[in-house]
Amino acid sequence: QVQLVESGGGLVQPGGSLRLSCAASGATYSINVMGWYRQAPGKERELVAFIHKDKGGLTNYADSAKDRFTISLDAAKNTVFLEMNSLKSEDSAVYSCNAKSIMLVTLEYWGQGTLVTVSS
């Protein structure tokens, strides 16, 4: 089992920045990919970005996150970060950390989520 704990959400003005953190514990050796998803009120959950623990730290971003968000990983601390810049009101959502263990079957783990509100 893997446990994920997010932190760093809050209220920020449009154009501002926030840094989200997600610390993994438990069977972290089994994690292959970590990422962030978000869900705004009345909308479906969507992928924001993910990063591979192997594959040279390969990353992938949703179009809405490209050029504004950066995902990074501190492998020694089993912590993934999401640096968000130039925030817009439409970025307001609950951001959830995700970890995948991809073996014969794929196991998926979720954090509890952290609320990001972009408003003046």
PDB file of N, CA and C in Angstrom:
ATOM      1  N   GLN A   1       0.830  -1.208   0.000  1.00  0.00           N
ATOM      2  CA  GLN A   1       0.000   0.000   0.000  1.00  0.00           C
ATOM      3  C   GLN A   1       0.862   1.254   0.000  1.00  0.00           C
ATOM      4  N   VAL A   2       0.336   2.280  -0.631  1.00  0.00           N
ATOM      5  CA  VAL A   2       1.011   3.573  -0.695  1.00  0.00           C
ATOM      6  C   VAL A   2       0.058   4.625  -0.136  1.00  0.00           C
ATOM      7  N   GLN A   3       0.587   5.490   0.688  1.00  0.00           N
ATOM      8  CA  GLN A   3      -0.192   6.612   1.204  1.00  0.00           C
ATOM      9  C   GLN A   3       0.367   7.903   0.611  1.00  0.00           C
ATOM     10  N   LEU A   4      -0.533   8.801   0.235  1.00  0.00           N
ATOM     11  CA  LEU A   4      -0.149  10.073  -0.377  1.00  0.00           C
ATOM     12  C   LEU A   4      -0.760  11.213   0.433  1.00  0.00           C
ATOM     13  N   VAL A   5       0.062  12.184   0.767  1.00  0.00           N
ATOM     14  CA  VAL A   5      -0.417  13.340   1.531  1.00  0.00           C
ATOM     15  C   VAL A   5      -0.018  14.608   0.802  1.00  0.00           C
ATOM     16  N   GLU A   6      -1.019  15.379   0.387  1.00  0.00           N
ATOM     17  CA  GLU A   6      -0.757  16.623  -0.334  1.00  0.00           C
ATOM     18  C   GLU A   6      -0.733  17.801   0.631  1.00  0.00           C
ATOM     19  N   SER A   7      -0.065  18.850   0.184  1.00  0.00           N
ATOM     20  CA  SER A   7      -0.060  20.108   0.916  1.00  0.00           C
ATOM     21  C   SER A   7       0.232  21.233  -0.063  1.00  0.00           C
ATOM     22  N   GLY A   8      -0.054  22.459   0.362  1.00  0.00           N
ATOM     23  CA  GLY A   8       0.325  23.602  -0.448  1.00  0.00           C
ATOM     24  C   GLY A   8      -0.815  24.329  -1.127  1.00  0.00           C
ATOM     25  N   GLY A   9      -2.021  23.819  -1.030  1.00  0.00           N
ATOM     26  CA  GLY A   9      -3.129  24.521  -1.657  1.00  0.00           C
ATOM     27  C   GLY A   9      -3.487  25.774  -0.897  1.00  0.00           C
ATOM     28  N   GLY A  10      -4.407  26.569  -1.468  1.00  0.00           N
ATOM     29  CA  GLY A  10      -4.827  27.775  -0.797  1.00  0.00           C
ATOM     30  C   GLY A  10      -5.426  28.771  -1.763  1.00  0.00           C
ATOM     31  N   LEU A  11      -5.563  29.983  -1.287  1.00  0.00           N
ATOM     32  CA  LEU A  11      -6.135  31.071  -2.080  1.00  0.00           C
ATOM     33  C   LEU A  11      -5.010  31.916  -2.663  1.00  0.00           C
ATOM     34  N   VAL A  12      -5.096  32.187  -3.942  1.00  0.00           N
ATOM     35  CA  VAL A  12      -4.084  32.995  -4.607  1.00  0.00           C
ATOM     36  C   VAL A  12      -4.778  33.893  -5.619  1.00  0.00           C
ATOM     37  N   GLN A  13      -4.201  35.053  -5.851  1.00  0.00           N
ATOM     38  CA  GLN A  13      -4.767  35.975  -6.822  1.00  0.00           C
ATOM     39  C   GLN A  13      -4.410  35.557  -8.238  1.00  0.00           C
ATOM     40  N   PRO A  14      -5.220  35.944  -9.198  1.00  0.00           N
ATOM     41  CA  PRO A  14      -4.867  35.655 -10.598  1.00  0.00           C
ATOM     42  C   PRO A  14      -3.483  36.198 -10.928  1.00  0.00           C
ATOM     43  N   GLY A  15      -2.723  35.376 -11.640  1.00  0.00           N
ATOM     44  CA  GLY A  15      -1.351  35.735 -11.967  1.00  0.00           C
ATOM     45  C   GLY A  15      -0.351  35.287 -10.929  1.00  0.00           C
ATOM     46  N   GLY A  16      -0.825  34.813  -9.807  1.00  0.00           N
ATOM     47  CA  GLY A  16       0.061  34.381  -8.737  1.00  0.00           C
ATOM     48  C   GLY A  16       0.572  32.972  -8.921  1.00  0.00           C
ATOM     49  N   SER A  17       1.290  32.495  -7.903  1.00  0.00           N
ATOM     50  CA  SER A  17       1.916  31.174  -7.965  1.00  0.00           C
ATOM     51  C   SER A  17       1.622  30.381  -6.702  1.00  0.00           C
ATOM     52  N   LEU A  18       1.633  29.080  -6.862  1.00  0.00           N
ATOM     53  CA  LEU A  18       1.517  28.157  -5.741  1.00  0.00           C
ATOM     54  C   LEU A  18       2.382  26.945  -6.016  1.00  0.00           C
ATOM     55  N   ARG A  19       2.832  26.309  -4.957  1.00  0.00           N
ATOM     56  CA  ARG A  19       3.597  25.078  -5.087  1.00  0.00           C
ATOM     57  C   ARG A  19       2.918  24.002  -4.264  1.00  0.00           C
ATOM     58  N   LEU A  20       2.474  22.963  -4.936  1.00  0.00           N
ATOM     59  CA  LEU A  20       1.862  21.829  -4.268  1.00  0.00           C
ATOM     60  C   LEU A  20       2.908  20.746  -4.031  1.00  0.00           C
ATOM     61  N   SER A  21       2.759  20.052  -2.914  1.00  0.00           N
ATOM     62  CA  SER A  21       3.648  18.941  -2.590  1.00  0.00           C
ATOM     63  C   SER A  21       2.821  17.700  -2.309  1.00  0.00           C
ATOM     64  N   CYS A  22       3.384  16.562  -2.612  1.00  0.00           N
ATOM     65  CA  CYS A  22       2.726  15.291  -2.325  1.00  0.00           C
ATOM     66  C   CYS A  22       3.794  14.311  -1.852  1.00  0.00           C
ATOM     67  N   ALA A  23       3.687  13.917  -0.595  1.00  0.00           N
ATOM     68  CA  ALA A  23       4.647  12.992  -0.019  1.00  0.00           C
ATOM     69  C   ALA A  23       4.066  11.588  -0.003  1.00  0.00           C
ATOM     70  N   ALA A  24       4.812  10.657  -0.544  1.00  0.00           N
ATOM     71  CA  ALA A  24       4.385   9.259  -0.578  1.00  0.00           C
ATOM     72  C   ALA A  24       5.081   8.481   0.528  1.00  0.00           C
ATOM     73  N   SER A  25       4.354   7.540   1.100  1.00  0.00           N
ATOM     74  CA  SER A  25       4.936   6.654   2.112  1.00  0.00           C
ATOM     75  C   SER A  25       4.365   5.255   1.912  1.00  0.00           C
ATOM     76  N   GLY A  26       4.958   4.312   2.593  1.00  0.00           N
ATOM     77  CA  GLY A  26       4.527   2.930   2.441  1.00  0.00           C
ATOM     78  C   GLY A  26       5.388   2.224   1.399  1.00  0.00           C
ATOM     79  N   ALA A  27       4.744   1.526   0.500  1.00  0.00           N
ATOM     80  CA  ALA A  27       5.447   0.739  -0.524  1.00  0.00           C
ATOM     81  C   ALA A  27       5.887   1.607  -1.689  1.00  0.00           C
ATOM     82  N   THR A  28       6.681   2.621  -1.392  1.00  0.00           N
ATOM     83  CA  THR A  28       7.076   3.583  -2.429  1.00  0.00           C
ATOM     84  C   THR A  28       7.977   2.956  -3.487  1.00  0.00           C
ATOM     85  N   TYR A  29       8.624   1.855  -3.150  1.00  0.00           N
ATOM     86  CA  TYR A  29       9.496   1.182  -4.125  1.00  0.00           C
ATOM     87  C   TYR A  29       8.702   0.695  -5.328  1.00  0.00           C
ATOM     88  N   SER A  30       7.396   0.521  -5.149  1.00  0.00           N
ATOM     89  CA  SER A  30       6.566  -0.028  -6.221  1.00  0.00           C
ATOM     90  C   SER A  30       6.039   1.045  -7.175  1.00  0.00           C
ATOM     91  N   ILE A  31       6.256   2.315  -6.840  1.00  0.00           N
ATOM     92  CA  ILE A  31       5.693   3.404  -7.648  1.00  0.00           C
ATOM     93  C   ILE A  31       6.517   3.613  -8.909  1.00  0.00           C
ATOM     94  N   ASN A  32       5.833   3.683 -10.046  1.00  0.00           N
ATOM     95  CA  ASN A  32       6.490   3.967 -11.317  1.00  0.00           C
ATOM     96  C   ASN A  32       6.228   5.398 -11.792  1.00  0.00           C
ATOM     97  N   VAL A  33       5.017   5.880 -11.527  1.00  0.00           N
ATOM     98  CA  VAL A  33       4.599   7.182 -12.036  1.00  0.00           C
ATOM     99  C   VAL A  33       3.875   7.940 -10.933  1.00  0.00           C
ATOM    100  N   MET A  34       4.149   9.218 -10.848  1.00  0.00           N
ATOM    101  CA  MET A  34       3.394  10.084  -9.932  1.00  0.00           C
ATOM    102  C   MET A  34       2.872  11.278 -10.711  1.00  0.00           C
ATOM    103  N   GLY A  35       1.720  11.760 -10.309  1.00  0.00           N
ATOM    104  CA  GLY A  35       1.154  12.861 -11.055  1.00  0.00           C
ATOM    105  C   GLY A  35       0.116  13.632 -10.274  1.00  0.00           C
ATOM    106  N   TRP A  36      -0.416  14.626 -10.937  1.00  0.00           N
ATOM    107  CA  TRP A  36      -1.454  15.481 -10.359  1.00  0.00           C
ATOM    108  C   TRP A  36      -2.665  15.514 -11.276  1.00  0.00           C
ATOM    109  N   TYR A  37      -3.822  15.423 -10.664  1.00  0.00           N
ATOM    110  CA  TYR A  37      -5.094  15.585 -11.345  1.00  0.00           C
ATOM    111  C   TYR A  37      -5.845  16.717 -10.637  1.00  0.00           C
ATOM    112  N   ARG A  38      -6.845  17.244 -11.308  1.00  0.00           N
ATOM    113  CA  ARG A  38      -7.677  18.256 -10.668  1.00  0.00           C
ATOM    114  C   ARG A  38      -9.122  18.083 -11.071  1.00  0.00           C
ATOM    115  N   GLN A  39      -9.991  18.544 -10.180  1.00  0.00           N
ATOM    116  CA  GLN A  39     -11.415  18.493 -10.464  1.00  0.00           C
ATOM    117  C   GLN A  39     -12.059  19.770  -9.969  1.00  0.00           C
ATOM    118  N   ALA A  40     -12.633  20.497 -10.903  1.00  0.00           N
ATOM    119  CA  ALA A  40     -13.357  21.720 -10.583  1.00  0.00           C
ATOM    120  C   ALA A  40     -14.831  21.375 -10.337  1.00  0.00           C
ATOM    121  N   PRO A  41     -15.544  22.200  -9.608  1.00  0.00           N
ATOM    122  CA  PRO A  41     -16.965  21.934  -9.339  1.00  0.00           C
ATOM    123  C   PRO A  41     -17.755  21.740 -10.631  1.00  0.00           C
ATOM    124  N   GLY A  42     -18.509  20.653 -10.695  1.00  0.00           N
ATOM    125  CA  GLY A  42     -19.334  20.393 -11.857  1.00  0.00           C
ATOM    126  C   GLY A  42     -18.597  19.852 -13.065  1.00  0.00           C
ATOM    127  N   LYS A  43     -17.310  19.598 -12.905  1.00  0.00           N
ATOM    128  CA  LYS A  43     -16.520  19.090 -14.018  1.00  0.00           C
ATOM    129  C   LYS A  43     -15.895  17.754 -13.668  1.00  0.00           C
ATOM    130  N   GLU A  44     -15.478  17.034 -14.710  1.00  0.00           N
ATOM    131  CA  GLU A  44     -14.821  15.759 -14.485  1.00  0.00           C
ATOM    132  C   GLU A  44     -13.361  15.985 -14.078  1.00  0.00           C
ATOM    133  N   ARG A  45     -12.831  15.000 -13.397  1.00  0.00           N
ATOM    134  CA  ARG A  45     -11.418  15.066 -13.030  1.00  0.00           C
ATOM    135  C   ARG A  45     -10.564  14.988 -14.288  1.00  0.00           C
ATOM    136  N   GLU A  46      -9.510  15.792 -14.312  1.00  0.00           N
ATOM    137  CA  GLU A  46      -8.632  15.814 -15.483  1.00  0.00           C
ATOM    138  C   GLU A  46      -7.174  15.731 -15.057  1.00  0.00           C
ATOM    139  N   LEU A  47      -6.385  15.163 -15.902  1.00  0.00           N
ATOM    140  CA  LEU A  47      -4.952  15.079 -15.673  1.00  0.00           C
ATOM    141  C   LEU A  47      -4.327  16.456 -15.810  1.00  0.00           C
ATOM    142  N   VAL A  48      -3.418  16.776 -14.920  1.00  0.00           N
ATOM    143  CA  VAL A  48      -2.645  18.014 -15.017  1.00  0.00           C
ATOM    144  C   VAL A  48      -1.244  17.705 -15.533  1.00  0.00           C
ATOM    145  N   ALA A  49      -0.562  16.793 -14.862  1.00  0.00           N
ATOM    146  CA  ALA A  49       0.799  16.440 -15.256  1.00  0.00           C
ATOM    147  C   ALA A  49       1.201  15.154 -14.558  1.00  0.00           C
ATOM    148  N   PHE A  50       2.148  14.431 -15.165  1.00  0.00           N
ATOM    149  CA  PHE A  50       2.717  13.280 -14.480  1.00  0.00           C
ATOM    150  C   PHE A  50       4.194  13.173 -14.802  1.00  0.00           C
ATOM    151  N   ILE A  51       4.886  12.412 -13.945  1.00  0.00           N
ATOM    152  CA  ILE A  51       6.325  12.238 -14.098  1.00  0.00           C
ATOM    153  C   ILE A  51       6.683  10.793 -13.788  1.00  0.00           C
ATOM    154  N   HIS A  52       7.576  10.240 -14.587  1.00  0.00           N
ATOM    155  CA  HIS A  52       8.033   8.869 -14.372  1.00  0.00           C
ATOM    156  C   HIS A  52       9.189   8.871 -13.380  1.00  0.00           C
ATOM    157  N   LYS A  53       9.151   7.927 -12.433  1.00  0.00           N
ATOM    158  CA  LYS A  53      10.277   7.795 -11.516  1.00  0.00           C
ATOM    159  C   LYS A  53      11.497   7.247 -12.238  1.00  0.00           C
ATOM    160  N   ASP A  54      11.269   6.447 -13.262  1.00  0.00           N
ATOM    161  CA  ASP A  54      12.368   6.000 -14.094  1.00  0.00           C
ATOM    162  C   ASP A  54      12.250   6.748 -15.414  1.00  0.00           C
ATOM    163  N   LYS A  55      12.709   6.160 -16.495  1.00  0.00           N
ATOM    164  CA  LYS A  55      12.619   6.800 -17.818  1.00  0.00           C
ATOM    165  C   LYS A  55      13.174   8.215 -17.783  1.00  0.00           C
ATOM    166  N   GLY A  56      14.188   8.437 -16.967  1.00  0.00           N
ATOM    167  CA  GLY A  56      14.833   9.741 -16.937  1.00  0.00           C
ATOM    168  C   GLY A  56      13.950  10.865 -16.458  1.00  0.00           C
ATOM    169  N   GLY A  57      12.922  10.528 -15.687  1.00  0.00           N
ATOM    170  CA  GLY A  57      12.035  11.569 -15.188  1.00  0.00           C
ATOM    171  C   GLY A  57      11.154  12.153 -16.273  1.00  0.00           C
ATOM    172  N   LEU A  58      10.762  11.325 -17.217  1.00  0.00           N
ATOM    173  CA  LEU A  58       9.928  11.784 -18.323  1.00  0.00           C
ATOM    174  C   LEU A  58       8.649  12.414 -17.776  1.00  0.00           C
ATOM    175  N   THR A  59       8.275  13.554 -18.331  1.00  0.00           N
ATOM    176  CA  THR A  59       7.078  14.263 -17.874  1.00  0.00           C
ATOM    177  C   THR A  59       6.070  14.424 -19.007  1.00  0.00           C
ATOM    178  N   ASN A  60       4.851  14.656 -18.608  1.00  0.00           N
ATOM    179  CA  ASN A  60       3.794  14.928 -19.572  1.00  0.00           C
ATOM    180  C   ASN A  60       2.825  15.906 -18.939  1.00  0.00           C
ATOM    181  N   TYR A  61       2.339  16.850 -19.738  1.00  0.00           N
ATOM    182  CA  TYR A  61       1.459  17.890 -19.229  1.00  0.00           C
ATOM    183  C   TYR A  61       0.186  17.986 -20.056  1.00  0.00           C
ATOM    184  N   ALA A  62      -0.891  18.343 -19.383  1.00  0.00           N
ATOM    185  CA  ALA A  62      -2.093  18.717 -20.106  1.00  0.00           C
ATOM    186  C   ALA A  62      -1.819  20.037 -20.827  1.00  0.00           C
ATOM    187  N   ASP A  63      -2.523  20.274 -21.913  1.00  0.00           N
ATOM    188  CA  ASP A  63      -2.311  21.519 -22.665  1.00  0.00           C
ATOM    189  C   ASP A  63      -2.526  22.739 -21.787  1.00  0.00           C
ATOM    190  N   SER A  64      -3.464  22.645 -20.868  1.00  0.00           N
ATOM    191  CA  SER A  64      -3.775  23.781 -19.996  1.00  0.00           C
ATOM    192  C   SER A  64      -2.647  24.087 -19.021  1.00  0.00           C
ATOM    193  N   ALA A  65      -1.755  23.110 -18.811  1.00  0.00           N
ATOM    194  CA  ALA A  65      -0.678  23.279 -17.836  1.00  0.00           C
ATOM    195  C   ALA A  65       0.671  23.605 -18.479  1.00  0.00           C
ATOM    196  N   LYS A  66       0.778  23.338 -19.761  1.00  0.00           N
ATOM    197  CA  LYS A  66       2.060  23.571 -20.439  1.00  0.00           C
ATOM    198  C   LYS A  66       2.463  25.030 -20.332  1.00  0.00           C
ATOM    199  N   ASP A  67       3.727  25.254 -20.120  1.00  0.00           N
ATOM    200  CA  ASP A  67       4.339  26.588 -20.057  1.00  0.00           C
ATOM    201  C   ASP A  67       4.011  27.358 -18.784  1.00  0.00           C
ATOM    202  N   ARG A  68       3.115  26.825 -17.956  1.00  0.00           N
ATOM    203  CA  ARG A  68       2.797  27.512 -16.700  1.00  0.00           C
ATOM    204  C   ARG A  68       3.088  26.652 -15.469  1.00  0.00           C
ATOM    205  N   PHE A  69       2.925  25.333 -15.620  1.00  0.00           N
ATOM    206  CA  PHE A  69       3.115  24.422 -14.486  1.00  0.00           C
ATOM    207  C   PHE A  69       4.366  23.576 -14.715  1.00  0.00           C
ATOM    208  N   THR A  70       5.016  23.227 -13.613  1.00  0.00           N
ATOM    209  CA  THR A  70       6.175  22.347 -13.694  1.00  0.00           C
ATOM    210  C   THR A  70       6.047  21.264 -12.631  1.00  0.00           C
ATOM    211  N   ILE A  71       6.137  20.018 -13.067  1.00  0.00           N
ATOM    212  CA  ILE A  71       6.118  18.902 -12.135  1.00  0.00           C
ATOM    213  C   ILE A  71       7.546  18.425 -11.932  1.00  0.00           C
ATOM    214  N   SER A  72       7.863  18.098 -10.687  1.00  0.00           N
ATOM    215  CA  SER A  72       9.202  17.611 -10.387  1.00  0.00           C
ATOM    216  C   SER A  72       9.116  16.574  -9.274  1.00  0.00           C
ATOM    217  N   LEU A  73      10.203  15.832  -9.131  1.00  0.00           N
ATOM    218  CA  LEU A  73      10.207  14.717  -8.181  1.00  0.00           C
ATOM    219  C   LEU A  73      11.498  14.711  -7.386  1.00  0.00           C
ATOM    220  N   ASP A  74      11.353  14.618  -6.091  1.00  0.00           N
ATOM    221  CA  ASP A  74      12.493  14.367  -5.211  1.00  0.00           C
ATOM    222  C   ASP A  74      12.422  12.886  -4.860  1.00  0.00           C
ATOM    223  N   ALA A  75      13.155  12.084  -5.610  1.00  0.00           N
ATOM    224  CA  ALA A  75      13.051  10.641  -5.455  1.00  0.00           C
ATOM    225  C   ALA A  75      13.500  10.173  -4.075  1.00  0.00           C
ATOM    226  N   ALA A  76      14.483  10.838  -3.521  1.00  0.00           N
ATOM    227  CA  ALA A  76      14.994  10.442  -2.208  1.00  0.00           C
ATOM    228  C   ALA A  76      13.937  10.622  -1.120  1.00  0.00           C
ATOM    229  N   LYS A  77      13.087  11.638  -1.299  1.00  0.00           N
ATOM    230  CA  LYS A  77      12.039  11.914  -0.313  1.00  0.00           C
ATOM    231  C   LYS A  77      10.682  11.396  -0.755  1.00  0.00           C
ATOM    232  N   ASN A  78      10.647  10.742  -1.910  1.00  0.00           N
ATOM    233  CA  ASN A  78       9.377  10.237  -2.440  1.00  0.00           C
ATOM    234  C   ASN A  78       8.307  11.321  -2.463  1.00  0.00           C
ATOM    235  N   THR A  79       8.705  12.482  -2.906  1.00  0.00           N
ATOM    236  CA  THR A  79       7.807  13.631  -2.928  1.00  0.00           C
ATOM    237  C   THR A  79       7.749  14.225  -4.334  1.00  0.00           C
ATOM    238  N   VAL A  80       6.551  14.476  -4.785  1.00  0.00           N
ATOM    239  CA  VAL A  80       6.356  15.105  -6.083  1.00  0.00           C
ATOM    240  C   VAL A  80       5.804  16.501  -5.852  1.00  0.00           C
ATOM    241  N   PHE A  81       6.255  17.425  -6.684  1.00  0.00           N
ATOM    242  CA  PHE A  81       5.863  18.819  -6.558  1.00  0.00           C
ATOM    243  C   PHE A  81       5.160  19.279  -7.834  1.00  0.00           C
ATOM    244  N   LEU A  82       4.288  20.255  -7.673  1.00  0.00           N
ATOM    245  CA  LEU A  82       3.683  20.906  -8.825  1.00  0.00           C
ATOM    246  C   LEU A  82       3.807  22.412  -8.610  1.00  0.00           C
ATOM    247  N   GLU A  83       4.691  23.008  -9.370  1.00  0.00           N
ATOM    248  CA  GLU A  83       4.880  24.452  -9.319  1.00  0.00           C
ATOM    249  C   GLU A  83       3.921  25.069 -10.324  1.00  0.00           C
ATOM    250  N   MET A  84       3.046  25.934  -9.839  1.00  0.00           N
ATOM    251  CA  MET A  84       2.028  26.528 -10.704  1.00  0.00           C
ATOM    252  C   MET A  84       2.238  28.038 -10.747  1.00  0.00           C
ATOM    253  N   ASN A  85       2.427  28.553 -11.945  1.00  0.00           N
ATOM    254  CA  ASN A  85       2.639  29.984 -12.147  1.00  0.00           C
ATOM    255  C   ASN A  85       1.553  30.555 -13.048  1.00  0.00           C
ATOM    256  N   SER A  86       1.457  31.874 -13.045  1.00  0.00           N
ATOM    257  CA  SER A  86       0.474  32.571 -13.894  1.00  0.00           C
ATOM    258  C   SER A  86      -0.905  31.948 -13.738  1.00  0.00           C
ATOM    259  N   LEU A  87      -1.315  31.774 -12.509  1.00  0.00           N
ATOM    260  CA  LEU A  87      -2.571  31.078 -12.243  1.00  0.00           C
ATOM    261  C   LEU A  87      -3.763  31.891 -12.723  1.00  0.00           C
ATOM    262  N   LYS A  88      -4.766  31.157 -13.202  1.00  0.00           N
ATOM    263  CA  LYS A  88      -5.988  31.763 -13.714  1.00  0.00           C
ATOM    264  C   LYS A  88      -7.176  31.253 -12.886  1.00  0.00           C
ATOM    265  N   SER A  89      -8.269  31.956 -12.987  1.00  0.00           N
ATOM    266  CA  SER A  89      -9.448  31.541 -12.224  1.00  0.00           C
ATOM    267  C   SER A  89      -9.877  30.132 -12.604  1.00  0.00           C
ATOM    268  N   GLU A  90      -9.668  29.783 -13.858  1.00  0.00           N
ATOM    269  CA  GLU A  90     -10.064  28.449 -14.311  1.00  0.00           C
ATOM    270  C   GLU A  90      -9.165  27.340 -13.788  1.00  0.00           C
ATOM    271  N   ASP A  91      -8.089  27.705 -13.111  1.00  0.00           N
ATOM    272  CA  ASP A  91      -7.241  26.705 -12.470  1.00  0.00           C
ATOM    273  C   ASP A  91      -7.794  26.309 -11.098  1.00  0.00           C
ATOM    274  N   SER A  92      -8.799  26.999 -10.639  1.00  0.00           N
ATOM    275  CA  SER A  92      -9.393  26.686  -9.337  1.00  0.00           C
ATOM    276  C   SER A  92      -9.987  25.277  -9.374  1.00  0.00           C
ATOM    277  N   ALA A  93      -9.589  24.463  -8.417  1.00  0.00           N
ATOM    278  CA  ALA A  93     -10.040  23.073  -8.387  1.00  0.00           C
ATOM    279  C   ALA A  93      -9.453  22.385  -7.161  1.00  0.00           C
ATOM    280  N   VAL A  94      -9.922  21.183  -6.911  1.00  0.00           N
ATOM    281  CA  VAL A  94      -9.257  20.317  -5.945  1.00  0.00           C
ATOM    282  C   VAL A  94      -8.190  19.542  -6.703  1.00  0.00           C
ATOM    283  N   TYR A  95      -6.967  19.680  -6.263  1.00  0.00           N
ATOM    284  CA  TYR A  95      -5.843  19.014  -6.899  1.00  0.00           C
ATOM    285  C   TYR A  95      -5.499  17.762  -6.090  1.00  0.00           C
ATOM    286  N   SER A  96      -5.445  16.637  -6.797  1.00  0.00           N
ATOM    287  CA  SER A  96      -5.183  15.362  -6.133  1.00  0.00           C
ATOM    288  C   SER A  96      -3.919  14.727  -6.679  1.00  0.00           C
ATOM    289  N   CYS A  97      -3.149  14.203  -5.777  1.00  0.00           N
ATOM    290  CA  CYS A  97      -1.927  13.490  -6.134  1.00  0.00           C
ATOM    291  C   CYS A  97      -2.279  12.048  -6.478  1.00  0.00           C
ATOM    292  N   ASN A  98      -1.577  11.525  -7.453  1.00  0.00           N
ATOM    293  CA  ASN A  98      -1.824  10.156  -7.914  1.00  0.00           C
ATOM    294  C   ASN A  98      -0.504   9.421  -8.051  1.00  0.00           C
ATOM    295  N   ALA A  99      -0.506   8.163  -7.677  1.00  0.00           N
ATOM    296  CA  ALA A  99       0.673   7.322  -7.861  1.00  0.00           C
ATOM    297  C   ALA A  99       0.243   6.003  -8.485  1.00  0.00           C
ATOM    298  N   LYS A 100       1.028   5.539  -9.414  1.00  0.00           N
ATOM    299  CA  LYS A 100       0.718   4.277 -10.074  1.00  0.00           C
ATOM    300  C   LYS A 100       1.864   3.297  -9.906  1.00  0.00           C
ATOM    301  N   SER A 101       1.479   2.060  -9.621  1.00  0.00           N
ATOM    302  CA  SER A 101       2.421   0.959  -9.559  1.00  0.00           C
ATOM    303  C   SER A 101       2.075   0.051 -10.728  1.00  0.00           C
ATOM    304  N   ILE A 102       2.934   0.061 -11.735  1.00  0.00           N
ATOM    305  CA  ILE A 102       2.626  -0.649 -12.979  1.00  0.00           C
ATOM    306  C   ILE A 102       3.453  -1.910 -13.051  1.00  0.00           C
ATOM    307  N   MET A 103       2.777  -3.033 -12.815  1.00  0.00           N
ATOM    308  CA  MET A 103       3.462  -4.318 -12.889  1.00  0.00           C
ATOM    309  C   MET A 103       2.579  -5.229 -13.743  1.00  0.00           C
ATOM    310  N   LEU A 104       2.342  -6.445 -13.318  1.00  0.00           N
ATOM    311  CA  LEU A 104       1.420  -7.309 -14.059  1.00  0.00           C
ATOM    312  C   LEU A 104       0.025  -6.688 -14.061  1.00  0.00           C
ATOM    313  N   VAL A 105      -0.315  -6.063 -12.959  1.00  0.00           N
ATOM    314  CA  VAL A 105      -1.532  -5.258 -12.879  1.00  0.00           C
ATOM    315  C   VAL A 105      -1.122  -3.863 -12.429  1.00  0.00           C
ATOM    316  N   THR A 106      -1.976  -2.921 -12.707  1.00  0.00           N
ATOM    317  CA  THR A 106      -1.678  -1.547 -12.296  1.00  0.00           C
ATOM    318  C   THR A 106      -2.460  -1.210 -11.045  1.00  0.00           C
ATOM    319  N   LEU A 107      -1.733  -0.805 -10.017  1.00  0.00           N
ATOM    320  CA  LEU A 107      -2.360  -0.332  -8.791  1.00  0.00           C
ATOM    321  C   LEU A 107      -2.282   1.187  -8.771  1.00  0.00           C
ATOM    322  N   GLU A 108      -3.342   1.800  -8.321  1.00  0.00           N
ATOM    323  CA  GLU A 108      -3.415   3.254  -8.349  1.00  0.00           C
ATOM    324  C   GLU A 108      -3.775   3.767  -6.958  1.00  0.00           C
ATOM    325  N   TYR A 109      -3.110   4.833  -6.569  1.00  0.00           N
ATOM    326  CA  TYR A 109      -3.323   5.409  -5.249  1.00  0.00           C
ATOM    327  C   TYR A 109      -3.622   6.897  -5.381  1.00  0.00           C
ATOM    328  N   TRP A 110      -4.428   7.394  -4.459  1.00  0.00           N
ATOM    329  CA  TRP A 110      -4.841   8.804  -4.495  1.00  0.00           C
ATOM    330  C   TRP A 110      -4.630   9.452  -3.136  1.00  0.00           C
ATOM    331  N   GLY A 111      -4.271  10.715  -3.196  1.00  0.00           N
ATOM    332  CA  GLY A 111      -4.249  11.516  -1.982  1.00  0.00           C
ATOM    333  C   GLY A 111      -5.638  12.062  -1.704  1.00  0.00           C
ATOM    334  N   GLN A 112      -5.747  12.804  -0.614  1.00  0.00           N
ATOM    335  CA  GLN A 112      -7.058  13.306  -0.201  1.00  0.00           C
ATOM    336  C   GLN A 112      -7.467  14.559  -0.956  1.00  0.00           C
ATOM    337  N   GLY A 113      -6.514  15.184  -1.629  1.00  0.00           N
ATOM    338  CA  GLY A 113      -6.801  16.389  -2.393  1.00  0.00           C
ATOM    339  C   GLY A 113      -6.517  17.656  -1.607  1.00  0.00           C
ATOM    340  N   THR A 114      -6.151  18.686  -2.340  1.00  0.00           N
ATOM    341  CA  THR A 114      -5.925  19.993  -1.733  1.00  0.00           C
ATOM    342  C   THR A 114      -6.582  21.056  -2.619  1.00  0.00           C
ATOM    343  N   LEU A 115      -7.276  21.986  -1.995  1.00  0.00           N
ATOM    344  CA  LEU A 115      -8.059  22.970  -2.736  1.00  0.00           C
ATOM    345  C   LEU A 115      -7.194  24.152  -3.156  1.00  0.00           C
ATOM    346  N   VAL A 116      -7.288  24.473  -4.422  1.00  0.00           N
ATOM    347  CA  VAL A 116      -6.634  25.665  -4.962  1.00  0.00           C
ATOM    348  C   VAL A 116      -7.731  26.601  -5.462  1.00  0.00           C
ATOM    349  N   THR A 117      -7.727  27.807  -4.940  1.00  0.00           N
ATOM    350  CA  THR A 117      -8.704  28.813  -5.352  1.00  0.00           C
ATOM    351  C   THR A 117      -7.962  30.020  -5.894  1.00  0.00           C
ATOM    352  N   VAL A 118      -8.261  30.356  -7.132  1.00  0.00           N
ATOM    353  CA  VAL A 118      -7.631  31.514  -7.765  1.00  0.00           C
ATOM    354  C   VAL A 118      -8.704  32.589  -7.909  1.00  0.00           C
ATOM    355  N   SER A 119      -8.547  33.629  -7.114  1.00  0.00           N
ATOM    356  CA  SER A 119      -9.575  34.668  -7.083  1.00  0.00           C
ATOM    357  C   SER A 119      -8.987  35.953  -6.530  1.00  0.00           C
ATOM    358  N   SER A 120      -9.517  37.054  -7.014  1.00  0.00           N
ATOM    359  CA  SER A 120      -9.094  38.355  -6.494  1.00  0.00           C
ATOM    360  C   SER A 120     -10.013  38.793  -5.361  1.00  0.00           C
TER     361      SER A 120
END
